[in-house]
Amino acid sequence: MNSSPATATGQNQELGHQEPPFSSTPVEELLRLVAKAARAHQLYLPNNPIYRGAIDSLRAGFVALWKETDEVTLVIAETEVQWFGVPVTKDTSKSTDNLAWLFYKDGVRELTIAQGFEENEVVAFLEMIQRARKANADEDDLVTMLWEADFTFLKYRYVDVLSDGSGDALSDGRDVAPVTAEQVHEAAHQPVETTRASSIIDMADFDATLYFLDEREIDYLQAEIAREYKEDLRVKVASSLLDIFEAQADPKIREEVLADLQTAMVYLLTAGQYRGAARILREAALAAQRATSLTPDHKDQLARLADRLSTPEVLTQLIQTLDATTEPPSREELGDLFDQLRPSALSTICQWIGRIRSEQIRQPLATAAGRLASLYTNELVRVIQDPDREISDEAIRISGIVKAQAAVPALSRILNDPDAARRLASAQALSEIGSAGAMQALERVLEDRDRDARLTAARALTARTHRPALARFDAIVKGRALRDADPTEKMAFFEGFGALCGDAGISHLSTLLNGRSFLGRREDPEIRACAAMALGRIGTPKAIEALQKSAGERDVIVRNAVGRALRSGPAAGVSS
């Protein structure tokens, strides 16, 4: 196949006019199997049965063809493959799924496949097809891939689609005719009027090429243009001002720059350029560290750029504006801005976070509040003690979320508040903090006047296995007041007692579950059921023995509780 372009053209014409030496059916079937194997190669791994089956079928298609000939030459048209002028593919679409178009668009015009290709090179050929289908404008085309593959049993001919697109002259990618001295001399002495100056651009040259810009490149250019127009120049101006501030040590110049920066910040916030405003605040903080010969007053003015954003007046106005807008900024943009807030903003955030209607604004604001509360615990403690109940309640909730151990003393004082809701909120925050100091404060809540607060404390102390609380649990379980409580509270306290008492509490619990009074009466079924669950929490052999005494209990409440206690927790392993 290493023939000159002229010979190749003659062969193509010859193939187009000769009668086929045999039926085109084996060739059609072979190309159908190639397309099927190419899809399998794209979708499945080599160890997949479907992939292996497709490759085996393709090789069998070659075997059927080799019974008729030792070599097959295929001519690539725009939307079809031809063999001796006969179309042997049926897909006429201009998509990469059509193998004819896939090769044609990259300039390949002829493929000649010889016997042995199916065993040695067909997998590499399928891999090349997959790469060509996924390739972008910056990657190799099929002609380059074929040249790199250097197939032994596959020859190809192509046209240079970027030259004139005519496709009249073919090349096989191997033998390039040398340029003679006479050709160079003839080209150099062409009349001037027949050539065009290279500096003149003719748009017709671009219209004649196969490609100019593909759709992805056009989309990229449009997106970049839109981004350029969307970007606020005030951000770039402010960045330039900060560069001037660092480079110029003249105090008068720096005073002027600082005044301009304050004006730019107002404009940016008013225009809704929150990410730009955040960028300026970050760069101002860096400038305060990098600038040389910086006076304390100038450093203070740079710091006040962020401090001003955190003042109640400015931050309140900003939050109200954001909540009223119909198209709020993205959470990422707001998060970028709120990251620049100072500790003094925590009080204002606590005041407004419960009033905000938009979740898209509340979430980044809550994140900022958590960050400030974690980093500045002194400010968090101060806000917890704020006389404004709305602010204080939100600060209590945040202290539990961030597990602020420094807030435990302030939360402990709120446990004495006459408002039951505040005592409950404080108990919940302490239970989330979970430190030894928080658990110690919760011990007092076991005897609180509010039922929800007592439940919160009991469950937290049980979950943490806070053994110092055993004395209070013991007194409550053995007292009379618990008998008047609802079943949920009874169960919470008995389970807490069981989690803390160990074998020392089995005697009392067994008496409640299995004992009888002087007149032969049993305890209330709810108390007996609670005692059973407490024994299950203990889980020792003695506790299991006490439970098994009531395994056949007639009362359904007690029987169910005993069954659950034997099946769950530590008791399960012992009872089995």
Foldseek 3Di string as FASTA:
>chain_A
DQDFQVVVLVVVVVLQADDDPDDCVLVLVLVVLLLLLLVCLLPDDPVDPSNVVSLVVNLVSVVVVVVPHFKFKWFQDQQFIDTSNHTSYDGRDCALSRVSNLCVLQFWTMKMFGPPCSPPPSVVVSVLSSCSNPDDPPDDGSLVSCLVVVDDGMWTWGDHLLPQNPSSTIHRNPDDDDDDPVNVVVVVPDDPVVDDDPVDDDCVSVVRGSDDDDPVRVVVVVVVVVVVVPDDCLLVVLVVLLVCCQVDLPPVSLVVSLVVNLVSLVVCLVVVVQLSNLVSLVSLQVSLVRRPPDDPVSSVSSLVSQVVCLDLVNVVVSQVVQLPDPDHDALVSLLSNLLSHDLSNLLNLLLCLVVRDDPRNNVSSLVSNLVSCLVPVVSLLVQLPDPPVSSNLSSLQSCLVNLPPVNLVSLLVQCPPPDPVSVQSSLNSLLSNLDPSSLVSLLVQCPPPDLNSNLSNLQSCQVSLVQVSLVVLVCVLPDDVLVPDDLSSLLSSLLSNLLHPAPVCLVVLLCLQPNADPVRHHHDLSNNLSSLLSLLNNQDPSSLVSLVVCCVPPDPSNNVSSVVSCCDDSNVVVND
